[in-house]
PDB file of N, CA and C in Angstrom:
ATOM      1  N   MET A   1    -176.715-116.597 103.681  1.00  0.00           N
ATOM      2  CA  MET A   1    -177.708-116.147 104.645  1.00  0.00           C
ATOM      3  C   MET A   1    -177.085-116.187 106.042  1.00  0.00           C
ATOM      4  N   ILE A   2    -177.208-115.101 106.742  1.00  0.00           N
ATOM      5  CA  ILE A   2    -176.671-115.005 108.091  1.00  0.00           C
ATOM      6  C   ILE A   2    -177.826-115.038 109.073  1.00  0.00           C
ATOM      7  N   ASP A   3    -177.776-115.991 109.975  1.00  0.00           N
ATOM      8  CA  ASP A   3    -178.834-116.156 110.963  1.00  0.00           C
ATOM      9  C   ASP A   3    -178.247-115.976 112.358  1.00  0.00           C
ATOM     10  N   PRO A   4    -178.439-114.801 112.995  1.00  0.00           N
ATOM     11  CA  PRO A   4    -177.852-114.556 114.310  1.00  0.00           C
ATOM     12  C   PRO A   4    -178.340-115.517 115.388  1.00  0.00           C
ATOM     13  N   ALA A   5    -179.466-116.165 115.162  1.00  0.00           N
ATOM     14  CA  ALA A   5    -179.972-117.116 116.151  1.00  0.00           C
ATOM     15  C   ALA A   5    -179.291-118.474 116.022  1.00  0.00           C
ATOM     16  N   ARG A   6    -178.566-118.702 114.929  1.00  0.00           N
ATOM     17  CA  ARG A   6    -177.924-119.990 114.673  1.00  0.00           C
ATOM     18  C   ARG A   6    -176.471-119.798 114.242  1.00  0.00           C
ATOM     19  N   PRO A   7    -175.595-119.418 115.174  1.00  0.00           N
ATOM     20  CA  PRO A   7    -174.195-119.196 114.787  1.00  0.00           C
ATOM     21  C   PRO A   7    -173.524-120.451 114.237  1.00  0.00           C
ATOM     22  N   ASP A   8    -173.915-121.628 114.726  1.00  0.00           N
ATOM     23  CA  ASP A   8    -173.331-122.871 114.217  1.00  0.00           C
ATOM     24  C   ASP A   8    -173.658-123.056 112.736  1.00  0.00           C
ATOM     25  N   LEU A   9    -174.901-122.805 112.369  1.00  0.00           N
ATOM     26  CA  LEU A   9    -175.329-122.935 110.986  1.00  0.00           C
ATOM     27  C   LEU A   9    -174.641-121.892 110.106  1.00  0.00           C
ATOM     28  N   THR A  10    -174.503-120.690 110.632  1.00  0.00           N
ATOM     29  CA  THR A  10    -173.844-119.625 109.878  1.00  0.00           C
ATOM     30  C   THR A  10    -172.389-119.988 109.595  1.00  0.00           C
ATOM     31  N   LEU A  11    -171.690-120.543 110.592  1.00  0.00           N
ATOM     32  CA  LEU A  11    -170.300-120.962 110.376  1.00  0.00           C
ATOM     33  C   LEU A  11    -170.218-122.104 109.373  1.00  0.00           C
ATOM     34  N   ARG A  12    -171.135-123.043 109.452  1.00  0.00           N
ATOM     35  CA  ARG A  12    -171.134-124.154 108.491  1.00  0.00           C
ATOM     36  C   ARG A  12    -171.355-123.657 107.066  1.00  0.00           C
ATOM     37  N   ARG A  13    -172.294-122.739 106.904  1.00  0.00           N
ATOM     38  CA  ARG A  13    -172.553-122.186 105.569  1.00  0.00           C
ATOM     39  C   ARG A  13    -171.342-121.423 105.050  1.00  0.00           C
ATOM     40  N   ALA A  14    -170.698-120.678 105.939  1.00  0.00           N
ATOM     41  CA  ALA A  14    -169.502-119.934 105.521  1.00  0.00           C
ATOM     42  C   ALA A  14    -168.424-120.892 105.019  1.00  0.00           C
ATOM     43  N   PHE A  15    -168.274-122.030 105.695  1.00  0.00           N
ATOM     44  CA  PHE A  15    -167.259-123.003 105.304  1.00  0.00           C
ATOM     45  C   PHE A  15    -167.658-123.736 104.025  1.00  0.00           C
ATOM     46  N   TRP A  16    -168.827-124.372 104.042  1.00  0.00           N
ATOM     47  CA  TRP A  16    -169.212-125.241 102.932  1.00  0.00           C
ATOM     48  C   TRP A  16    -169.708-124.475 101.704  1.00  0.00           C
ATOM     49  N   ALA A  17    -170.539-123.473 101.878  1.00  0.00           N
ATOM     50  CA  ALA A  17    -171.132-122.786 100.723  1.00  0.00           C
ATOM     51  C   ALA A  17    -170.253-121.664 100.184  1.00  0.00           C
ATOM     52  N   GLN A  18    -169.509-120.998 101.090  1.00  0.00           N
ATOM     53  CA  GLN A  18    -168.715-119.850 100.657  1.00  0.00           C
ATOM     54  C   GLN A  18    -167.226-120.164 100.574  1.00  0.00           C
ATOM     55  N   GLY A  19    -166.823-121.339 101.079  1.00  0.00           N
ATOM     56  CA  GLY A  19    -165.423-121.727 101.011  1.00  0.00           C
ATOM     57  C   GLY A  19    -164.502-120.932 101.925  1.00  0.00           C
ATOM     58  N   ARG A  20    -165.057-120.387 103.005  1.00  0.00           N
ATOM     59  CA  ARG A  20    -164.242-119.605 103.933  1.00  0.00           C
ATOM     60  C   ARG A  20    -163.572-120.526 104.945  1.00  0.00           C
ATOM     61  N   CYS A  21    -162.355-120.196 105.341  1.00  0.00           N
ATOM     62  CA  CYS A  21    -161.590-121.020 106.263  1.00  0.00           C
ATOM     63  C   CYS A  21    -161.982-120.662 107.697  1.00  0.00           C
ATOM     64  N   THR A  22    -162.881-121.438 108.261  1.00  0.00           N
ATOM     65  CA  THR A  22    -163.422-121.127 109.581  1.00  0.00           C
ATOM     66  C   THR A  22    -162.553-121.630 110.725  1.00  0.00           C
ATOM     67  N   SER A  23    -161.340-122.026 110.423  1.00  0.00           N
ATOM     68  CA  SER A  23    -160.414-122.403 111.490  1.00  0.00           C
ATOM     69  C   SER A  23    -159.484-121.253 111.864  1.00  0.00           C
ATOM     70  N   LEU A  24    -159.630-120.127 111.197  1.00  0.00           N
ATOM     71  CA  LEU A  24    -158.808-118.944 111.474  1.00  0.00           C
ATOM     72  C   LEU A  24    -159.618-117.919 112.260  1.00  0.00           C
ATOM     73  N   TRP A  25    -158.992-117.411 113.328  1.00  0.00           N
ATOM     74  CA  TRP A  25    -159.695-116.449 114.185  1.00  0.00           C
ATOM     75  C   TRP A  25    -160.245-115.263 113.416  1.00  0.00           C
ATOM     76  N   HIS A  26    -159.440-114.670 112.544  1.00  0.00           N
ATOM     77  CA  HIS A  26    -159.915-113.450 111.868  1.00  0.00           C
ATOM     78  C   HIS A  26    -161.121-113.740 110.971  1.00  0.00           C
ATOM     79  N   VAL A  27    -161.214-114.926 110.405  1.00  0.00           N
ATOM     80  CA  VAL A  27    -162.372-115.278 109.589  1.00  0.00           C
ATOM     81  C   VAL A  27    -163.598-115.471 110.485  1.00  0.00           C
ATOM     82  N   ILE A  28    -163.415-116.137 111.606  1.00  0.00           N
ATOM     83  CA  ILE A  28    -164.522-116.318 112.554  1.00  0.00           C
ATOM     84  C   ILE A  28    -165.022-114.964 113.050  1.00  0.00           C
ATOM     85  N   PHE A  29    -164.091-114.054 113.346  1.00  0.00           N
ATOM     86  CA  PHE A  29    -164.495-112.716 113.788  1.00  0.00           C
ATOM     87  C   PHE A  29    -165.238-111.964 112.683  1.00  0.00           C
ATOM     88  N   ASP A  30    -164.793-112.110 111.432  1.00  0.00           N
ATOM     89  CA  ASP A  30    -165.500-111.467 110.322  1.00  0.00           C
ATOM     90  C   ASP A  30    -166.931-111.986 110.222  1.00  0.00           C
ATOM     91  N   ILE A  31    -167.098-113.293 110.335  1.00  0.00           N
ATOM     92  CA  ILE A  31    -168.432-113.891 110.261  1.00  0.00           C
ATOM     93  C   ILE A  31    -169.291-113.422 111.439  1.00  0.00           C
ATOM     94  N   ALA A  32    -168.715-113.409 112.636  1.00  0.00           N
ATOM     95  CA  ALA A  32    -169.449-112.941 113.822  1.00  0.00           C
ATOM     96  C   ALA A  32    -169.868-111.488 113.662  1.00  0.00           C
ATOM     97  N   GLU A  33    -168.984-110.688 113.105  1.00  0.00           N
ATOM     98  CA  GLU A  33    -169.311-109.273 112.898  1.00  0.00           C
ATOM     99  C   GLU A  33    -170.446-109.125 111.893  1.00  0.00           C
ATOM    100  N   GLU A  34    -170.449-109.942 110.850  1.00  0.00           N
ATOM    101  CA  GLU A  34    -171.535-109.920 109.871  1.00  0.00           C
ATOM    102  C   GLU A  34    -172.858-110.325 110.495  1.00  0.00           C
ATOM    103  N   MET A  35    -172.801-111.231 111.476  1.00  0.00           N
ATOM    104  CA  MET A  35    -174.024-111.669 112.152  1.00  0.00           C
ATOM    105  C   MET A  35    -174.632-110.532 112.966  1.00  0.00           C
ATOM    106  N   GLY A  36    -173.792-109.689 113.531  1.00  0.00           N
ATOM    107  CA  GLY A  36    -174.282-108.549 114.289  1.00  0.00           C
ATOM    108  C   GLY A  36    -174.818-108.883 115.671  1.00  0.00           C
ATOM    109  N   ALA A  37    -174.749-110.136 116.075  1.00  0.00           N
ATOM    110  CA  ALA A  37    -175.302-110.536 117.363  1.00  0.00           C
ATOM    111  C   ALA A  37    -174.211-110.814 118.387  1.00  0.00           C
ATOM    112  N   VAL A  38    -172.980-110.425 118.070  1.00  0.00           N
ATOM    113  CA  VAL A  38    -171.835-110.734 118.923  1.00  0.00           C
ATOM    114  C   VAL A  38    -171.115-109.441 119.274  1.00  0.00           C
ATOM    115  N   ASP A  39    -170.687-109.315 120.526  1.00  0.00           N
ATOM    116  CA  ASP A  39    -169.836-108.194 120.914  1.00  0.00           C
ATOM    117  C   ASP A  39    -168.435-108.534 120.422  1.00  0.00           C
ATOM    118  N   ILE A  40    -168.110-108.077 119.229  1.00  0.00           N
ATOM    119  CA  ILE A  40    -166.881-108.487 118.557  1.00  0.00           C
ATOM    120  C   ILE A  40    -165.634-108.047 119.310  1.00  0.00           C
ATOM    121  N   ASP A  41    -165.655-106.896 119.933  1.00  0.00           N
ATOM    122  CA  ASP A  41    -164.484-106.434 120.696  1.00  0.00           C
ATOM    123  C   ASP A  41    -164.217-107.337 121.893  1.00  0.00           C
ATOM    124  N   ALA A  42    -165.275-107.726 122.593  1.00  0.00           N
ATOM    125  CA  ALA A  42    -165.118-108.628 123.735  1.00  0.00           C
ATOM    126  C   ALA A  42    -164.627-109.997 123.268  1.00  0.00           C
ATOM    127  N   ALA A  43    -165.129-110.470 122.145  1.00  0.00           N
ATOM    128  CA  ALA A  43    -164.701-111.771 121.616  1.00  0.00           C
ATOM    129  C   ALA A  43    -163.221-111.744 121.240  1.00  0.00           C
ATOM    130  N   ARG A  44    -162.788-110.653 120.610  1.00  0.00           N
ATOM    131  CA  ARG A  44    -161.367-110.533 120.245  1.00  0.00           C
ATOM    132  C   ARG A  44    -160.481-110.497 121.483  1.00  0.00           C
ATOM    133  N   ARG A  45    -160.926-109.787 122.521  1.00  0.00           N
ATOM    134  CA  ARG A  45    -160.135-109.729 123.760  1.00  0.00           C
ATOM    135  C   ARG A  45    -160.015-111.110 124.385  1.00  0.00           C
ATOM    136  N   ARG A  46    -161.127-111.826 124.466  1.00  0.00           N
ATOM    137  CA  ARG A  46    -161.100-113.170 125.082  1.00  0.00           C
ATOM    138  C   ARG A  46    -160.230-114.119 124.270  1.00  0.00           C
ATOM    139  N   ALA A  47    -160.323-114.061 122.963  1.00  0.00           N
ATOM    140  CA  ALA A  47    -159.503-114.935 122.123  1.00  0.00           C
ATOM    141  C   ALA A  47    -158.034-114.562 122.264  1.00  0.00           C
ATOM    142  N   GLY A  48    -157.736-113.290 122.351  1.00  0.00           N
ATOM    143  CA  GLY A  48    -156.364-112.839 122.517  1.00  0.00           C
ATOM    144  C   GLY A  48    -155.767-113.303 123.825  1.00  0.00           C
ATOM    145  N   GLN A  49    -156.570-113.380 124.860  1.00  0.00           N
ATOM    146  CA  GLN A  49    -156.090-113.862 126.152  1.00  0.00           C
ATOM    147  C   GLN A  49    -155.694-115.331 126.056  1.00  0.00           C
ATOM    148  N   ARG A  50    -156.502-116.124 125.366  1.00  0.00           N
ATOM    149  CA  ARG A  50    -156.195-117.549 125.232  1.00  0.00           C
ATOM    150  C   ARG A  50    -154.977-117.776 124.350  1.00  0.00           C
ATOM    151  N   VAL A  51    -154.938-117.112 123.202  1.00  0.00           N
ATOM    152  CA  VAL A  51    -153.820-117.281 122.274  1.00  0.00           C
ATOM    153  C   VAL A  51    -152.548-116.705 122.876  1.00  0.00           C
ATOM    154  N   GLY A  52    -152.657-115.560 123.539  1.00  0.00           N
ATOM    155  CA  GLY A  52    -151.491-114.935 124.149  1.00  0.00           C
ATOM    156  C   GLY A  52    -150.868-115.795 125.232  1.00  0.00           C
ATOM    157  N   ALA A  53    -151.668-116.645 125.837  1.00  0.00           N
ATOM    158  CA  ALA A  53    -151.149-117.531 126.882  1.00  0.00           C
ATOM    159  C   ALA A  53    -150.399-118.720 126.286  1.00  0.00           C
ATOM    160  N   GLY A  54    -150.488-118.885 124.965  1.00  0.00           N
ATOM    161  CA  GLY A  54    -149.771-119.962 124.293  1.00  0.00           C
ATOM    162  C   GLY A  54    -150.483-121.290 124.326  1.00  0.00           C
ATOM    163  N   GLY A  55    -151.723-121.303 124.794  1.00  0.00           N
ATOM    164  CA  GLY A  55    -152.445-122.556 124.917  1.00  0.00           C
ATOM    165  C   GLY A  55    -152.712-123.277 123.608  1.00  0.00           C
ATOM    166  N   ASN A  56    -152.815-122.552 122.513  1.00  0.00           N
ATOM    167  CA  ASN A  56    -153.180-123.166 121.249  1.00  0.00           C
ATOM    168  C   ASN A  56    -151.990-123.397 120.330  1.00  0.00           C
ATOM    169  N   HIS A  57    -150.802-123.067 120.752  1.00  0.00           N
ATOM    170  CA  HIS A  57    -149.665-123.116 119.822  1.00  0.00           C
ATOM    171  C   HIS A  57    -148.522-123.977 120.301  1.00  0.00           C
ATOM    172  N   GLY A  58    -148.772-124.919 121.174  1.00  0.00           N
ATOM    173  CA  GLY A  58    -147.720-125.780 121.694  1.00  0.00           C
ATOM    174  C   GLY A  58    -147.035-126.601 120.629  1.00  0.00           C
ATOM    175  N   ALA A  59    -147.782-127.080 119.626  1.00  0.00           N
ATOM    176  CA  ALA A  59    -147.187-127.911 118.581  1.00  0.00           C
ATOM    177  C   ALA A  59    -146.196-127.122 117.745  1.00  0.00           C
ATOM    178  N   VAL A  60    -146.503-125.849 117.511  1.00  0.00           N
ATOM    179  CA  VAL A  60    -145.610-125.019 116.713  1.00  0.00           C
ATOM    180  C   VAL A  60    -144.297-124.805 117.451  1.00  0.00           C
ATOM    181  N   ARG A  61    -144.374-124.545 118.723  1.00  0.00           N
ATOM    182  CA  ARG A  61    -143.166-124.339 119.524  1.00  0.00           C
ATOM    183  C   ARG A  61    -142.382-125.643 119.683  1.00  0.00           C
ATOM    184  N   GLY A  62    -143.071-126.760 119.621  1.00  0.00           N
ATOM    185  CA  GLY A  62    -142.419-128.039 119.821  1.00  0.00           C
ATOM    186  C   GLY A  62    -141.561-128.489 118.648  1.00  0.00           C
ATOM    187  N   GLY A  63    -141.592-127.754 117.551  1.00  0.00           N
ATOM    188  CA  GLY A  63    -140.782-128.082 116.391  1.00  0.00           C
ATOM    189  C   GLY A  63    -141.289-129.302 115.637  1.00  0.00           C
ATOM    190  N   LEU A  64    -142.456-129.160 115.061  1.00  0.00           N
ATOM    191  CA  LEU A  64    -143.039-130.266 114.300  1.00  0.00           C
ATOM    192  C   LEU A  64    -141.991-130.816 113.410  1.00  0.00           C
TER     193      LEU A  64
END
């Protein structure tokens, strides 16, 4: 069940009930698109700006 008024609940259901990996951007975008209450293009642009800046990938570059 997708509830556009409760994105937190929708993400939890996707993870626990459907077994979807909600830590991946493309999965989160798929869920948001299914909800229909999100400007998915704007969300992808904003996420791309953050990821493109390298803010989320310092550990990978650091050579775990």
